[in-house]
Amino acid sequence: MNCHQHAVKDFDLQIEMNELEMGMLNDANGEVLPYNESRMDELEQKKLKLLMGKRYNQNATNAYWYYLERSSK
């Protein structure tokens, strides 16, 4: 269970870094510059994959917790 909790923390850091990088591709008005559109698409796909990984590990943590709670009764 701890390894999944650690993985969730790592995913949070990666998502934060990804969002910072996405923010750097914007101009002063918050618009994506035309020559950065393909990189922004890549970063959005990466963020989706990171969120799916985080979801998997969060669900695994909850499943282990449920199993431990149920078996201790």
PDB file of N, CA and C in Angstrom:
ATOM      1  N   MET A   1       0.828  -1.183   0.000  1.00  0.00           N
ATOM      2  CA  MET A   1       0.000   0.000   0.000  1.00  0.00           C
ATOM      3  C   MET A   1       0.877   1.253   0.000  1.00  0.00           C
ATOM      4  N   ASN A   2       1.976   1.226   0.744  1.00  0.00           N
ATOM      5  CA  ASN A   2       2.843   2.401   0.804  1.00  0.00           C
ATOM      6  C   ASN A   2       3.429   2.749  -0.553  1.00  0.00           C
ATOM      7  N   CYS A   3       3.756   1.732  -1.340  1.00  0.00           N
ATOM      8  CA  CYS A   3       4.348   2.032  -2.647  1.00  0.00           C
ATOM      9  C   CYS A   3       3.357   2.784  -3.530  1.00  0.00           C
ATOM     10  N   HIS A   4       2.071   2.473  -3.409  1.00  0.00           N
ATOM     11  CA  HIS A   4       1.064   3.193  -4.193  1.00  0.00           C
ATOM     12  C   HIS A   4       0.896   4.623  -3.685  1.00  0.00           C
ATOM     13  N   GLN A   5       0.997   4.815  -2.373  1.00  0.00           N
ATOM     14  CA  GLN A   5       0.918   6.161  -1.811  1.00  0.00           C
ATOM     15  C   GLN A   5       2.100   7.008  -2.273  1.00  0.00           C
ATOM     16  N   HIS A   6       3.273   6.398  -2.302  1.00  0.00           N
ATOM     17  CA  HIS A   6       4.463   7.105  -2.781  1.00  0.00           C
ATOM     18  C   HIS A   6       4.320   7.443  -4.258  1.00  0.00           C
ATOM     19  N   ALA A   7       3.746   6.527  -5.011  1.00  0.00           N
ATOM     20  CA  ALA A   7       3.548   6.765  -6.447  1.00  0.00           C
ATOM     21  C   ALA A   7       2.588   7.930  -6.671  1.00  0.00           C
ATOM     22  N   VAL A   8       1.544   8.030  -5.858  1.00  0.00           N
ATOM     23  CA  VAL A   8       0.589   9.138  -5.985  1.00  0.00           C
ATOM     24  C   VAL A   8       1.301  10.463  -5.734  1.00  0.00           C
ATOM     25  N   LYS A   9       2.163  10.523  -4.723  1.00  0.00           N
ATOM     26  CA  LYS A   9       2.931  11.739  -4.453  1.00  0.00           C
ATOM     27  C   LYS A   9       3.836  12.088  -5.628  1.00  0.00           C
ATOM     28  N   ASP A  10       4.460  11.072  -6.214  1.00  0.00           N
ATOM     29  CA  ASP A  10       5.327  11.304  -7.369  1.00  0.00           C
ATOM     30  C   ASP A  10       4.527  11.808  -8.563  1.00  0.00           C
ATOM     31  N   PHE A  11       3.360  11.228  -8.784  1.00  0.00           N
ATOM     32  CA  PHE A  11       2.494  11.699  -9.877  1.00  0.00           C
ATOM     33  C   PHE A  11       2.091  13.151  -9.655  1.00  0.00           C
ATOM     34  N   ASP A  12       1.812  13.514  -8.397  1.00  0.00           N
ATOM     35  CA  ASP A  12       1.463  14.909  -8.104  1.00  0.00           C
ATOM     36  C   ASP A  12       2.600  15.848  -8.504  1.00  0.00           C
ATOM     37  N   LEU A  13       3.822  15.473  -8.174  1.00  0.00           N
ATOM     38  CA  LEU A  13       4.973  16.303  -8.546  1.00  0.00           C
ATOM     39  C   LEU A  13       5.139  16.392 -10.056  1.00  0.00           C
ATOM     40  N   GLN A  14       4.979  15.274 -10.742  1.00  0.00           N
ATOM     41  CA  GLN A  14       5.111  15.285 -12.195  1.00  0.00           C
ATOM     42  C   GLN A  14       4.022  16.128 -12.850  1.00  0.00           C
ATOM     43  N   ILE A  15       2.803  16.049 -12.318  1.00  0.00           N
ATOM     44  CA  ILE A  15       1.700  16.849 -12.858  1.00  0.00           C
ATOM     45  C   ILE A  15       1.978  18.333 -12.633  1.00  0.00           C
ATOM     46  N   GLU A  16       2.482  18.679 -11.460  1.00  0.00           N
ATOM     47  CA  GLU A  16       2.821  20.073 -11.172  1.00  0.00           C
ATOM     48  C   GLU A  16       3.901  20.588 -12.125  1.00  0.00           C
ATOM     49  N   MET A  17       4.929  19.783 -12.344  1.00  0.00           N
ATOM     50  CA  MET A  17       5.988  20.173 -13.278  1.00  0.00           C
ATOM     51  C   MET A  17       5.438  20.326 -14.692  1.00  0.00           C
ATOM     52  N   ASN A  18       4.565  19.431 -15.090  1.00  0.00           N
ATOM     53  CA  ASN A  18       3.956  19.479 -16.413  1.00  0.00           C
ATOM     54  C   ASN A  18       3.134  20.761 -16.586  1.00  0.00           C
ATOM     55  N   GLU A  19       2.370  21.118 -15.550  1.00  0.00           N
ATOM     56  CA  GLU A  19       1.560  22.333 -15.617  1.00  0.00           C
ATOM     57  C   GLU A  19       2.432  23.582 -15.702  1.00  0.00           C
ATOM     58  N   LEU A  20       3.560  23.583 -14.980  1.00  0.00           N
ATOM     59  CA  LEU A  20       4.481  24.718 -15.077  1.00  0.00           C
ATOM     60  C   LEU A  20       5.040  24.850 -16.484  1.00  0.00           C
ATOM     61  N   GLU A  21       5.400  23.722 -17.065  1.00  0.00           N
ATOM     62  CA  GLU A  21       5.922  23.749 -18.431  1.00  0.00           C
ATOM     63  C   GLU A  21       4.853  24.217 -19.417  1.00  0.00           C
ATOM     64  N   MET A  22       3.622  23.797 -19.197  1.00  0.00           N
ATOM     65  CA  MET A  22       2.526  24.250 -20.059  1.00  0.00           C
ATOM     66  C   MET A  22       2.339  25.762 -19.928  1.00  0.00           C
ATOM     67  N   GLY A  23       2.472  26.269 -18.716  1.00  0.00           N
ATOM     68  CA  GLY A  23       2.335  27.696 -18.490  1.00  0.00           C
ATOM     69  C   GLY A  23       3.422  28.509 -19.168  1.00  0.00           C
ATOM     70  N   MET A  24       4.598  27.937 -19.296  1.00  0.00           N
ATOM     71  CA  MET A  24       5.699  28.649 -19.943  1.00  0.00           C
ATOM     72  C   MET A  24       5.506  28.770 -21.451  1.00  0.00           C
ATOM     73  N   LEU A  25       4.606  27.998 -22.014  1.00  0.00           N
ATOM     74  CA  LEU A  25       4.362  28.059 -23.454  1.00  0.00           C
ATOM     75  C   LEU A  25       3.363  29.149 -23.833  1.00  0.00           C
ATOM     76  N   ASN A  26       2.800  29.811 -22.846  1.00  0.00           N
ATOM     77  CA  ASN A  26       1.815  30.864 -23.097  1.00  0.00           C
ATOM     78  C   ASN A  26       2.498  32.222 -23.207  1.00  0.00           C
ATOM     79  N   ASP A  27       1.838  33.134 -23.915  1.00  0.00           N
ATOM     80  CA  ASP A  27       2.337  34.507 -23.957  1.00  0.00           C
ATOM     81  C   ASP A  27       1.787  35.270 -22.746  1.00  0.00           C
ATOM     82  N   ALA A  28       1.996  36.567 -22.707  1.00  0.00           N
ATOM     83  CA  ALA A  28       1.585  37.382 -21.564  1.00  0.00           C
ATOM     84  C   ALA A  28       0.069  37.381 -21.362  1.00  0.00           C
ATOM     85  N   ASN A  29      -0.692  37.152 -22.399  1.00  0.00           N
ATOM     86  CA  ASN A  29      -2.156  37.138 -22.310  1.00  0.00           C
ATOM     87  C   ASN A  29      -2.717  35.765 -21.971  1.00  0.00           C
ATOM     88  N   GLY A  30      -1.855  34.784 -21.794  1.00  0.00           N
ATOM     89  CA  GLY A  30      -2.313  33.439 -21.495  1.00  0.00           C
ATOM     90  C   GLY A  30      -2.667  32.611 -22.715  1.00  0.00           C
ATOM     91  N   GLU A  31      -2.382  33.138 -23.890  1.00  0.00           N
ATOM     92  CA  GLU A  31      -2.660  32.432 -25.140  1.00  0.00           C
ATOM     93  C   GLU A  31      -1.453  31.566 -25.512  1.00  0.00           C
ATOM     94  N   VAL A  32      -1.731  30.402 -26.074  1.00  0.00           N
ATOM     95  CA  VAL A  32      -0.658  29.540 -26.553  1.00  0.00           C
ATOM     96  C   VAL A  32      -0.118  30.125 -27.859  1.00  0.00           C
ATOM     97  N   LEU A  33       1.168  30.308 -27.888  1.00  0.00           N
ATOM     98  CA  LEU A  33       1.784  30.842 -29.102  1.00  0.00           C
ATOM     99  C   LEU A  33       1.698  29.806 -30.218  1.00  0.00           C
ATOM    100  N   PRO A  34       1.484  30.247 -31.460  1.00  0.00           N
ATOM    101  CA  PRO A  34       1.288  29.302 -32.567  1.00  0.00           C
ATOM    102  C   PRO A  34       2.412  28.279 -32.723  1.00  0.00           C
ATOM    103  N   TYR A  35       3.647  28.697 -32.509  1.00  0.00           N
ATOM    104  CA  TYR A  35       4.760  27.759 -32.677  1.00  0.00           C
ATOM    105  C   TYR A  35       4.915  26.819 -31.485  1.00  0.00           C
ATOM    106  N   ASN A  36       4.097  26.996 -30.441  1.00  0.00           N
ATOM    107  CA  ASN A  36       4.124  26.106 -29.271  1.00  0.00           C
ATOM    108  C   ASN A  36       2.933  25.156 -29.222  1.00  0.00           C
ATOM    109  N   GLU A  37       2.062  25.210 -30.221  1.00  0.00           N
ATOM    110  CA  GLU A  37       0.840  24.406 -30.166  1.00  0.00           C
ATOM    111  C   GLU A  37       1.117  22.908 -30.140  1.00  0.00           C
ATOM    112  N   SER A  38       2.080  22.447 -30.925  1.00  0.00           N
ATOM    113  CA  SER A  38       2.354  21.005 -30.939  1.00  0.00           C
ATOM    114  C   SER A  38       2.938  20.543 -29.605  1.00  0.00           C
ATOM    115  N   ARG A  39       3.800  21.370 -29.006  1.00  0.00           N
ATOM    116  CA  ARG A  39       4.366  21.015 -27.698  1.00  0.00           C
ATOM    117  C   ARG A  39       3.271  21.021 -26.632  1.00  0.00           C
ATOM    118  N   MET A  40       2.332  21.968 -26.727  1.00  0.00           N
ATOM    119  CA  MET A  40       1.223  22.025 -25.777  1.00  0.00           C
ATOM    120  C   MET A  40       0.365  20.770 -25.903  1.00  0.00           C
ATOM    121  N   ASP A  41       0.122  20.320 -27.126  1.00  0.00           N
ATOM    122  CA  ASP A  41      -0.635  19.083 -27.327  1.00  0.00           C
ATOM    123  C   ASP A  41       0.071  17.904 -26.680  1.00  0.00           C
ATOM    124  N   GLU A  42       1.392  17.830 -26.842  1.00  0.00           N
ATOM    125  CA  GLU A  42       2.174  16.749 -26.228  1.00  0.00           C
ATOM    126  C   GLU A  42       2.058  16.792 -24.710  1.00  0.00           C
ATOM    127  N   LEU A  43       2.145  17.994 -24.145  1.00  0.00           N
ATOM    128  CA  LEU A  43       2.064  18.131 -22.695  1.00  0.00           C
ATOM    129  C   LEU A  43       0.670  17.801 -22.176  1.00  0.00           C
ATOM    130  N   GLU A  44      -0.360  18.124 -22.928  1.00  0.00           N
ATOM    131  CA  GLU A  44      -1.719  17.764 -22.517  1.00  0.00           C
ATOM    132  C   GLU A  44      -1.910  16.256 -22.541  1.00  0.00           C
ATOM    133  N   GLN A  45      -1.345  15.585 -23.542  1.00  0.00           N
ATOM    134  CA  GLN A  45      -1.406  14.120 -23.587  1.00  0.00           C
ATOM    135  C   GLN A  45      -0.636  13.512 -22.422  1.00  0.00           C
ATOM    136  N   LYS A  46       0.517  14.092 -22.117  1.00  0.00           N
ATOM    137  CA  LYS A  46       1.325  13.613 -20.991  1.00  0.00           C
ATOM    138  C   LYS A  46       0.561  13.784 -19.683  1.00  0.00           C
ATOM    139  N   LYS A  47      -0.108  14.926 -19.519  1.00  0.00           N
ATOM    140  CA  LYS A  47      -0.877  15.165 -18.302  1.00  0.00           C
ATOM    141  C   LYS A  47      -1.998  14.144 -18.157  1.00  0.00           C
ATOM    142  N   LEU A  48      -2.655  13.819 -19.257  1.00  0.00           N
ATOM    143  CA  LEU A  48      -3.712  12.808 -19.217  1.00  0.00           C
ATOM    144  C   LEU A  48      -3.159  11.458 -18.762  1.00  0.00           C
ATOM    145  N   LYS A  49      -2.002  11.065 -19.294  1.00  0.00           N
ATOM    146  CA  LYS A  49      -1.384   9.797 -18.890  1.00  0.00           C
ATOM    147  C   LYS A  49      -0.994   9.819 -17.418  1.00  0.00           C
ATOM    148  N   LEU A  50      -0.464  10.956 -16.955  1.00  0.00           N
ATOM    149  CA  LEU A  50      -0.095  11.071 -15.550  1.00  0.00           C
ATOM    150  C   LEU A  50      -1.322  10.972 -14.648  1.00  0.00           C
ATOM    151  N   LEU A  51      -2.401  11.607 -15.041  1.00  0.00           N
ATOM    152  CA  LEU A  51      -3.622  11.540 -14.246  1.00  0.00           C
ATOM    153  C   LEU A  51      -4.193  10.125 -14.210  1.00  0.00           C
ATOM    154  N   MET A  52      -4.097   9.409 -15.319  1.00  0.00           N
ATOM    155  CA  MET A  52      -4.577   8.015 -15.330  1.00  0.00           C
ATOM    156  C   MET A  52      -3.704   7.147 -14.420  1.00  0.00           C
ATOM    157  N   GLY A  53      -2.390   7.382 -14.430  1.00  0.00           N
ATOM    158  CA  GLY A  53      -1.498   6.645 -13.540  1.00  0.00           C
ATOM    159  C   GLY A  53      -1.774   6.954 -12.081  1.00  0.00           C
ATOM    160  N   LYS A  54      -2.012   8.222 -11.800  1.00  0.00           N
ATOM    161  CA  LYS A  54      -2.338   8.625 -10.426  1.00  0.00           C
ATOM    162  C   LYS A  54      -3.636   7.965  -9.986  1.00  0.00           C
ATOM    163  N   ARG A  55      -4.617   7.957 -10.867  1.00  0.00           N
ATOM    164  CA  ARG A  55      -5.906   7.335 -10.547  1.00  0.00           C
ATOM    165  C   ARG A  55      -5.737   5.854 -10.241  1.00  0.00           C
ATOM    166  N   TYR A  56      -4.952   5.156 -11.050  1.00  0.00           N
ATOM    167  CA  TYR A  56      -4.715   3.727 -10.833  1.00  0.00           C
ATOM    168  C   TYR A  56      -4.114   3.491  -9.448  1.00  0.00           C
ATOM    169  N   ASN A  57      -3.079   4.253  -9.113  1.00  0.00           N
ATOM    170  CA  ASN A  57      -2.407   4.051  -7.832  1.00  0.00           C
ATOM    171  C   ASN A  57      -3.279   4.469  -6.658  1.00  0.00           C
ATOM    172  N   GLN A  58      -4.088   5.500  -6.829  1.00  0.00           N
ATOM    173  CA  GLN A  58      -5.011   5.899  -5.763  1.00  0.00           C
ATOM    174  C   GLN A  58      -6.062   4.815  -5.542  1.00  0.00           C
ATOM    175  N   ASN A  59      -6.574   4.243  -6.615  1.00  0.00           N
ATOM    176  CA  ASN A  59      -7.544   3.151  -6.487  1.00  0.00           C
ATOM    177  C   ASN A  59      -6.910   1.933  -5.824  1.00  0.00           C
ATOM    178  N   ALA A  60      -5.660   1.631  -6.167  1.00  0.00           N
ATOM    179  CA  ALA A  60      -4.971   0.497  -5.551  1.00  0.00           C
ATOM    180  C   ALA A  60      -4.777   0.734  -4.060  1.00  0.00           C
ATOM    181  N   THR A  61      -4.424   1.955  -3.681  1.00  0.00           N
ATOM    182  CA  THR A  61      -4.284   2.287  -2.262  1.00  0.00           C
ATOM    183  C   THR A  61      -5.602   2.061  -1.532  1.00  0.00           C
ATOM    184  N   ASN A  62      -6.685   2.530  -2.116  1.00  0.00           N
ATOM    185  CA  ASN A  62      -7.997   2.363  -1.489  1.00  0.00           C
ATOM    186  C   ASN A  62      -8.399   0.894  -1.403  1.00  0.00           C
ATOM    187  N   ALA A  63      -8.059   0.124  -2.423  1.00  0.00           N
ATOM    188  CA  ALA A  63      -8.399  -1.304  -2.414  1.00  0.00           C
ATOM    189  C   ALA A  63      -7.623  -2.037  -1.323  1.00  0.00           C
ATOM    190  N   TYR A  64      -6.325  -1.721  -1.192  1.00  0.00           N
ATOM    191  CA  TYR A  64      -5.541  -2.342  -0.114  1.00  0.00           C
ATOM    192  C   TYR A  64      -6.088  -1.939   1.241  1.00  0.00           C
ATOM    193  N   TRP A  65      -6.428  -0.679   1.424  1.00  0.00           N
ATOM    194  CA  TRP A  65      -6.975  -0.225   2.697  1.00  0.00           C
ATOM    195  C   TRP A  65      -8.265  -0.986   3.014  1.00  0.00           C
ATOM    196  N   TYR A  66      -9.144  -1.105   2.029  1.00  0.00           N
ATOM    197  CA  TYR A  66     -10.411  -1.809   2.221  1.00  0.00           C
ATOM    198  C   TYR A  66     -10.164  -3.265   2.615  1.00  0.00           C
ATOM    199  N   TYR A  67      -9.232  -3.913   1.918  1.00  0.00           N
ATOM    200  CA  TYR A  67      -8.923  -5.318   2.218  1.00  0.00           C
ATOM    201  C   TYR A  67      -8.398  -5.462   3.643  1.00  0.00           C
ATOM    202  N   LEU A  68      -7.480  -4.561   4.036  1.00  0.00           N
ATOM    203  CA  LEU A  68      -6.918  -4.635   5.392  1.00  0.00           C
ATOM    204  C   LEU A  68      -7.989  -4.373   6.450  1.00  0.00           C
ATOM    205  N   GLU A  69      -8.861  -3.416   6.202  1.00  0.00           N
ATOM    206  CA  GLU A  69      -9.935  -3.128   7.149  1.00  0.00           C
ATOM    207  C   GLU A  69     -10.885  -4.316   7.284  1.00  0.00           C
ATOM    208  N   ARG A  70     -11.206  -4.897   6.165  1.00  0.00           N
ATOM    209  CA  ARG A  70     -12.150  -6.016   6.182  1.00  0.00           C
ATOM    210  C   ARG A  70     -11.545  -7.261   6.828  1.00  0.00           C
ATOM    211  N   SER A  71     -10.262  -7.498   6.590  1.00  0.00           N
ATOM    212  CA  SER A  71      -9.636  -8.706   7.149  1.00  0.00           C
ATOM    213  C   SER A  71      -9.328  -8.559   8.643  1.00  0.00           C
ATOM    214  N   SER A  72      -9.289  -7.345   9.149  1.00  0.00           N
ATOM    215  CA  SER A  72      -8.993  -7.158  10.584  1.00  0.00           C
ATOM    216  C   SER A  72     -10.225  -7.350  11.453  1.00  0.00           C
ATOM    217  N   LYS A  73     -11.391  -7.476  10.852  1.00  0.00           N
ATOM    218  CA  LYS A  73     -12.625  -7.671  11.641  1.00  0.00           C
ATOM    219  C   LYS A  73     -12.885  -9.110  11.940  1.00  0.00           C
TER     220      LYS A  73
END
